[in-house]
Amino acid sequence: MVSLIISAASAFSVLLLVLCAWLTRASYWRTAAALMGGLCAAALRFGLDMAAYRFDWWTFGDTAYAPVITYVPVVFWFGAGLGLVGWRMMRNWGAFGEWTFFIGFVLLGLARDVVLAIGTGPLTITQNGLPLAIAGAGWLVMAVLVQMVMQLLVGPVDADALEPERIPQIEDDGGAVATPAAQPERDPFSFQH
C-alpha cells in the first residue's frame, strides 16, 4: 500500500510541476533550469539520506536510502515546482517573498518527512530532535540550491520576461472577453503597477 501511495505521489508531482510552470508564467528556459535545480536537490537529498543512515538519524528500513521512486517528487515538486513558485515570489515581492518562500519550503519538507514517518511509514526517525533539525537544514539548503541553479543557468529572478497571460480576462468596457494576446503586459500577482 505504501509503494502505491509513493508511486501516485510521484506521478502527481509531475502534474504539479506542469501546473506551477503554467501558473507562474515561467519561460521554457526557466522551467528547464528549475528541473536542473530539482535534479541537484534530489542528489543532495540522496546524500543526506545516506549520511542520516550512517549516523543513525533516520532510516528507510534496511537500506541506506529511500526507494528511488521517492526522489521523483523531490525533483519535480520540491525542486522544480516549488522552485518556480519561489522564483515568482522573489520576483514579485523581493525580500519578503524570498523569506516567505524559504520558510514555507522548509515547513513543507519537514511535513513530508513527518508524514512519511507516521505509523508504519517507510521513514523511521530517531527520538531526539536533532534529526528534524538536520532535515530542516537540509530542506533549506535544497531550496537555496534550486534558486542558485536557476540563477546560474538563466540569470536573476527578473532576467527573463514572463510568458503571456494564459487565462482570458473580462475587460471593463461592456463585458467583452479579451484574448490573451490583446491584454496589456500586466502581472496580476505583483504589487508593482
C-alpha atoms as a PDB file:
ATOM      1  CA  MET A   1       0.000   0.000   0.000  1.00  0.00           C
ATOM      2  CA  VAL A   2       2.851   2.383   0.852  1.00  0.00           C
ATOM      3  CA  SER A   3       4.526   1.777  -2.516  1.00  0.00           C
ATOM      4  CA  LEU A   4       1.235   2.539  -4.302  1.00  0.00           C
ATOM      5  CA  ILE A   5       0.939   5.851  -2.443  1.00  0.00           C
ATOM      6  CA  ILE A   6       4.550   6.761  -3.226  1.00  0.00           C
ATOM      7  CA  SER A   7       4.036   5.865  -6.913  1.00  0.00           C
ATOM      8  CA  ALA A   8       0.876   8.004  -7.077  1.00  0.00           C
ATOM      9  CA  ALA A   9       2.663  10.900  -5.380  1.00  0.00           C
ATOM     10  CA  SER A  10       5.490  10.606  -7.896  1.00  0.00           C
ATOM     11  CA  ALA A  11       3.106  10.777 -10.854  1.00  0.00           C
ATOM     12  CA  PHE A  12       1.166  13.624  -9.252  1.00  0.00           C
ATOM     13  CA  SER A  13       4.377  15.603  -8.714  1.00  0.00           C
ATOM     14  CA  VAL A  14       4.900  15.797 -12.481  1.00  0.00           C
ATOM     15  CA  LEU A  15       1.404  17.276 -12.868  1.00  0.00           C
ATOM     16  CA  LEU A  16       2.138  19.763 -10.095  1.00  0.00           C
ATOM     17  CA  LEU A  17       5.276  20.905 -11.911  1.00  0.00           C
ATOM     18  CA  VAL A  18       3.320  21.488 -15.127  1.00  0.00           C
ATOM     19  CA  LEU A  19       0.694  23.445 -13.167  1.00  0.00           C
ATOM     20  CA  CYS A  20       3.365  25.535 -11.420  1.00  0.00           C
ATOM     21  CA  ALA A  21       5.100  26.325 -14.712  1.00  0.00           C
ATOM     22  CA  TRP A  22       1.790  27.393 -16.224  1.00  0.00           C
ATOM     23  CA  LEU A  23       0.598  29.473 -13.255  1.00  0.00           C
ATOM     24  CA  THR A  24       3.921  31.228 -12.666  1.00  0.00           C
ATOM     25  CA  ARG A  25       4.192  32.047 -16.393  1.00  0.00           C
ATOM     26  CA  ALA A  26       7.733  30.719 -16.438  1.00  0.00           C
ATOM     27  CA  SER A  27       9.565  30.568 -19.752  1.00  0.00           C
ATOM     28  CA  TYR A  28      10.713  27.236 -21.140  1.00  0.00           C
ATOM     29  CA  TRP A  29      14.304  28.019 -20.178  1.00  0.00           C
ATOM     30  CA  ARG A  30      13.306  28.969 -16.610  1.00  0.00           C
ATOM     31  CA  THR A  31      11.344  25.717 -16.321  1.00  0.00           C
ATOM     32  CA  ALA A  32      14.292  23.705 -17.670  1.00  0.00           C
ATOM     33  CA  ALA A  33      16.603  25.438 -15.187  1.00  0.00           C
ATOM     34  CA  ALA A  34      14.156  24.618 -12.385  1.00  0.00           C
ATOM     35  CA  LEU A  35      14.264  20.963 -13.455  1.00  0.00           C
ATOM     36  CA  MET A  36      18.061  21.028 -13.306  1.00  0.00           C
ATOM     37  CA  GLY A  37      17.798  22.556  -9.846  1.00  0.00           C
ATOM     38  CA  GLY A  38      15.367  19.793  -8.892  1.00  0.00           C
ATOM     39  CA  LEU A  39      17.861  17.156 -10.012  1.00  0.00           C
ATOM     40  CA  CYS A  40      20.558  18.807  -7.890  1.00  0.00           C
ATOM     41  CA  ALA A  41      18.173  18.960  -4.915  1.00  0.00           C
ATOM     42  CA  ALA A  42      17.331  15.253  -5.280  1.00  0.00           C
ATOM     43  CA  ALA A  43      21.042  14.402  -5.399  1.00  0.00           C
ATOM     44  CA  LEU A  44      21.591  16.439  -2.237  1.00  0.00           C
ATOM     45  CA  ARG A  45      18.637  14.714  -0.571  1.00  0.00           C
ATOM     46  CA  PHE A  46      20.028  11.311  -1.570  1.00  0.00           C
ATOM     47  CA  GLY A  47      23.385  12.205   0.011  1.00  0.00           C
ATOM     48  CA  LEU A  48      21.654  13.489   3.142  1.00  0.00           C
ATOM     49  CA  ASP A  49      19.686  10.232   3.432  1.00  0.00           C
ATOM     50  CA  MET A  50      22.944   8.267   3.109  1.00  0.00           C
ATOM     51  CA  ALA A  51      24.557  10.376   5.857  1.00  0.00           C
ATOM     52  CA  ALA A  52      21.460  10.025   8.049  1.00  0.00           C
ATOM     53  CA  TYR A  53      21.650   6.238   7.736  1.00  0.00           C
ATOM     54  CA  ARG A  54      25.349   6.292   8.590  1.00  0.00           C
ATOM     55  CA  PHE A  55      24.839   8.444  11.714  1.00  0.00           C
ATOM     56  CA  ASP A  56      21.541   6.759  12.682  1.00  0.00           C
ATOM     57  CA  TRP A  57      19.377   9.883  12.377  1.00  0.00           C
ATOM     58  CA  TRP A  58      16.728   8.273  10.198  1.00  0.00           C
ATOM     59  CA  THR A  59      16.386   5.190   8.038  1.00  0.00           C
ATOM     60  CA  PHE A  60      14.238   3.774   5.276  1.00  0.00           C
ATOM     61  CA  GLY A  61      14.087   0.208   6.529  1.00  0.00           C
ATOM     62  CA  ASP A  62      17.238  -1.799   5.934  1.00  0.00           C
ATOM     63  CA  THR A  63      18.663   0.376   3.151  1.00  0.00           C
ATOM     64  CA  ALA A  64      20.792   3.484   3.413  1.00  0.00           C
ATOM     65  CA  TYR A  65      18.444   5.440   1.155  1.00  0.00           C
ATOM     66  CA  ALA A  66      14.784   5.605   0.279  1.00  0.00           C
ATOM     67  CA  PRO A  67      13.367   3.708  -2.690  1.00  0.00           C
ATOM     68  CA  VAL A  68      14.468   5.583  -5.803  1.00  0.00           C
ATOM     69  CA  ILE A  69      10.891   6.460  -6.734  1.00  0.00           C
ATOM     70  CA  THR A  70      10.591   8.609  -3.579  1.00  0.00           C
ATOM     71  CA  TYR A  71      13.143  11.021  -5.057  1.00  0.00           C
ATOM     72  CA  VAL A  72      10.895  11.738  -8.059  1.00  0.00           C
ATOM     73  CA  PRO A  73       8.663  14.149  -6.063  1.00  0.00           C
ATOM     74  CA  VAL A  74      11.832  15.825  -4.792  1.00  0.00           C
ATOM     75  CA  VAL A  75      12.899  16.504  -8.392  1.00  0.00           C
ATOM     76  CA  PHE A  76       9.547  17.548  -9.844  1.00  0.00           C
ATOM     77  CA  TRP A  77       7.635  19.072  -6.928  1.00  0.00           C
ATOM     78  CA  PHE A  78      10.047  20.185  -4.221  1.00  0.00           C
ATOM     79  CA  GLY A  79      12.814  21.062  -6.642  1.00  0.00           C
ATOM     80  CA  ALA A  80      11.308  22.308  -9.894  1.00  0.00           C
ATOM     81  CA  GLY A  81       7.683  23.108  -8.984  1.00  0.00           C
ATOM     82  CA  LEU A  82       8.291  24.900  -5.711  1.00  0.00           C
ATOM     83  CA  GLY A  83      11.452  26.376  -7.191  1.00  0.00           C
ATOM     84  CA  LEU A  84       9.306  28.144  -9.798  1.00  0.00           C
ATOM     85  CA  VAL A  85       6.880  29.292  -7.120  1.00  0.00           C
ATOM     86  CA  GLY A  86       9.822  30.684  -5.140  1.00  0.00           C
ATOM     87  CA  TRP A  87      11.227  32.385  -8.246  1.00  0.00           C
ATOM     88  CA  ARG A  88       7.893  34.106  -8.805  1.00  0.00           C
ATOM     89  CA  MET A  89       7.576  35.100  -5.145  1.00  0.00           C
ATOM     90  CA  MET A  90      11.046  36.642  -5.187  1.00  0.00           C
ATOM     91  CA  ARG A  91      10.359  38.388  -8.488  1.00  0.00           C
ATOM     92  CA  ASN A  92       7.143  39.960  -7.238  1.00  0.00           C
ATOM     93  CA  TRP A  93       7.733  40.624  -3.551  1.00  0.00           C
ATOM     94  CA  GLY A  94      11.501  40.907  -3.188  1.00  0.00           C
ATOM     95  CA  ALA A  95      12.962  40.095   0.227  1.00  0.00           C
ATOM     96  CA  PHE A  96       9.554  39.375   1.759  1.00  0.00           C
ATOM     97  CA  GLY A  97       8.839  36.802  -0.946  1.00  0.00           C
ATOM     98  CA  GLU A  98      12.280  35.290  -0.503  1.00  0.00           C
ATOM     99  CA  TRP A  99      11.923  34.813   3.257  1.00  0.00           C
ATOM    100  CA  THR A 100       8.363  33.533   2.903  1.00  0.00           C
ATOM    101  CA  PHE A 101       9.423  31.021   0.258  1.00  0.00           C
ATOM    102  CA  PHE A 102      12.370  29.632   2.213  1.00  0.00           C
ATOM    103  CA  ILE A 103      10.375  29.294   5.446  1.00  0.00           C
ATOM    104  CA  GLY A 104       7.451  27.673   3.612  1.00  0.00           C
ATOM    105  CA  PHE A 105       9.774  25.298   1.735  1.00  0.00           C
ATOM    106  CA  VAL A 106      11.380  24.068   4.965  1.00  0.00           C
ATOM    107  CA  LEU A 107       7.979  23.631   6.630  1.00  0.00           C
ATOM    108  CA  LEU A 108       6.623  21.652   3.665  1.00  0.00           C
ATOM    109  CA  GLY A 109       9.737  19.470   3.588  1.00  0.00           C
ATOM    110  CA  LEU A 110       9.505  18.736   7.305  1.00  0.00           C
ATOM    111  CA  ALA A 111       5.784  17.996   6.931  1.00  0.00           C
ATOM    112  CA  ARG A 112       6.665  15.483   4.203  1.00  0.00           C
ATOM    113  CA  ASP A 113       9.187  13.802   6.493  1.00  0.00           C
ATOM    114  CA  VAL A 114       6.726  13.634   9.382  1.00  0.00           C
ATOM    115  CA  VAL A 115       4.007  12.148   7.140  1.00  0.00           C
ATOM    116  CA  LEU A 116       6.444   9.501   5.881  1.00  0.00           C
ATOM    117  CA  ALA A 117       7.342   8.658   9.488  1.00  0.00           C
ATOM    118  CA  ILE A 118       3.777   8.316  10.823  1.00  0.00           C
ATOM    119  CA  GLY A 119       2.798   4.831  11.949  1.00  0.00           C
ATOM    120  CA  THR A 120       4.480   2.138   9.911  1.00  0.00           C
ATOM    121  CA  GLY A 121       5.589   4.515   7.182  1.00  0.00           C
ATOM    122  CA  PRO A 122       8.796   3.947   5.254  1.00  0.00           C
ATOM    123  CA  LEU A 123      10.756   6.549   7.245  1.00  0.00           C
ATOM    124  CA  THR A 124      11.936   5.931  10.815  1.00  0.00           C
ATOM    125  CA  ILE A 125      13.277   8.965  12.707  1.00  0.00           C
ATOM    126  CA  THR A 126      15.209   8.616  15.965  1.00  0.00           C
ATOM    127  CA  GLN A 127      13.517  10.013  19.038  1.00  0.00           C
ATOM    128  CA  ASN A 128      15.591  13.128  19.740  1.00  0.00           C
ATOM    129  CA  GLY A 129      15.113  16.482  17.983  1.00  0.00           C
ATOM    130  CA  LEU A 130      18.475  16.519  16.200  1.00  0.00           C
ATOM    131  CA  PRO A 131      17.311  14.595  13.090  1.00  0.00           C
ATOM    132  CA  LEU A 132      14.433  17.030  12.492  1.00  0.00           C
ATOM    133  CA  ALA A 133      16.812  19.983  12.832  1.00  0.00           C
ATOM    134  CA  ILE A 134      19.209  18.351  10.368  1.00  0.00           C
ATOM    135  CA  ALA A 135      16.342  17.551   7.994  1.00  0.00           C
ATOM    136  CA  GLY A 136      15.133  21.176   8.226  1.00  0.00           C
ATOM    137  CA  ALA A 137      18.624  22.443   7.434  1.00  0.00           C
ATOM    138  CA  GLY A 138      18.763  20.003   4.507  1.00  0.00           C
ATOM    139  CA  TRP A 139      15.474  21.308   3.102  1.00  0.00           C
ATOM    140  CA  LEU A 140      16.740  24.886   3.424  1.00  0.00           C
ATOM    141  CA  VAL A 141      19.957  24.049   1.559  1.00  0.00           C
ATOM    142  CA  MET A 142      17.882  22.325  -1.142  1.00  0.00           C
ATOM    143  CA  ALA A 143      15.695  25.433  -1.580  1.00  0.00           C
ATOM    144  CA  VAL A 144      18.745  27.683  -1.863  1.00  0.00           C
ATOM    145  CA  LEU A 145      20.410  25.238  -4.272  1.00  0.00           C
ATOM    146  CA  VAL A 146      17.417  25.218  -6.628  1.00  0.00           C
ATOM    147  CA  GLN A 147      17.305  29.022  -6.727  1.00  0.00           C
ATOM    148  CA  MET A 148      21.077  29.233  -7.282  1.00  0.00           C
ATOM    149  CA  VAL A 149      20.964  26.753 -10.167  1.00  0.00           C
ATOM    150  CA  MET A 150      18.132  28.688 -11.808  1.00  0.00           C
ATOM    151  CA  GLN A 151      20.013  31.964 -11.445  1.00  0.00           C
ATOM    152  CA  LEU A 152      23.244  30.460 -12.765  1.00  0.00           C
ATOM    153  CA  LEU A 153      21.526  28.990 -15.834  1.00  0.00           C
ATOM    154  CA  VAL A 154      19.064  31.734 -16.839  1.00  0.00           C
ATOM    155  CA  GLY A 155      20.005  34.778 -14.774  1.00  0.00           C
ATOM    156  CA  PRO A 156      18.480  36.687 -11.872  1.00  0.00           C
ATOM    157  CA  VAL A 157      14.809  36.443 -10.986  1.00  0.00           C
ATOM    158  CA  ASP A 158      13.809  39.324 -13.242  1.00  0.00           C
ATOM    159  CA  ALA A 159      16.133  38.473 -16.148  1.00  0.00           C
ATOM    160  CA  ASP A 160      13.545  36.848 -18.391  1.00  0.00           C
ATOM    161  CA  ALA A 161      10.145  38.101 -19.486  1.00  0.00           C
ATOM    162  CA  LEU A 162       7.022  36.409 -18.242  1.00  0.00           C
ATOM    163  CA  GLU A 163       5.070  34.306 -20.690  1.00  0.00           C
ATOM    164  CA  PRO A 164       1.815  35.963 -21.845  1.00  0.00           C
ATOM    165  CA  GLU A 165      -1.335  35.628 -19.768  1.00  0.00           C
ATOM    166  CA  ARG A 166      -2.953  32.299 -20.472  1.00  0.00           C
ATOM    167  CA  ILE A 167      -6.374  32.912 -18.949  1.00  0.00           C
ATOM    168  CA  PRO A 168      -8.660  35.314 -20.848  1.00  0.00           C
ATOM    169  CA  GLN A 169      -9.759  38.291 -18.741  1.00  0.00           C
ATOM    170  CA  ILE A 170     -13.060  40.186 -18.912  1.00  0.00           C
ATOM    171  CA  GLU A 171     -12.484  43.776 -19.992  1.00  0.00           C
ATOM    172  CA  ASP A 172     -14.109  46.709 -18.213  1.00  0.00           C
ATOM    173  CA  ASP A 173     -15.794  48.098 -21.337  1.00  0.00           C
ATOM    174  CA  GLY A 174     -19.004  46.204 -21.929  1.00  0.00           C
ATOM    175  CA  GLY A 175     -18.015  42.769 -20.680  1.00  0.00           C
ATOM    176  CA  ALA A 176     -16.247  41.576 -23.819  1.00  0.00           C
ATOM    177  CA  VAL A 177     -13.749  38.815 -23.322  1.00  0.00           C
ATOM    178  CA  ALA A 178     -10.247  39.732 -24.397  1.00  0.00           C
ATOM    179  CA  THR A 179      -7.902  37.268 -25.988  1.00  0.00           C
ATOM    180  CA  PRO A 180      -4.662  36.636 -24.111  1.00  0.00           C
ATOM    181  CA  ALA A 181      -2.597  38.381 -26.838  1.00  0.00           C
ATOM    182  CA  ALA A 182      -4.728  41.553 -26.689  1.00  0.00           C
ATOM    183  CA  GLN A 183      -4.109  42.193 -22.994  1.00  0.00           C
ATOM    184  CA  PRO A 184      -1.608  44.749 -21.802  1.00  0.00           C
ATOM    185  CA  GLU A 185       1.507  43.330 -20.139  1.00  0.00           C
ATOM    186  CA  ARG A 186       0.375  43.378 -16.507  1.00  0.00           C
ATOM    187  CA  ASP A 187       1.197  40.900 -13.789  1.00  0.00           C
ATOM    188  CA  PRO A 188      -1.859  40.128 -11.607  1.00  0.00           C
ATOM    189  CA  PHE A 189       0.326  38.651  -8.825  1.00  0.00           C
ATOM    190  CA  SER A 190       2.610  41.668  -8.458  1.00  0.00           C
ATOM    191  CA  PHE A 191       2.271  44.589  -6.098  1.00  0.00           C
ATOM    192  CA  GLN A 192       4.030  46.790  -8.645  1.00  0.00           C
ATOM    193  CA  HIS A 193       1.859  48.743 -11.099  1.00  0.00           C
END
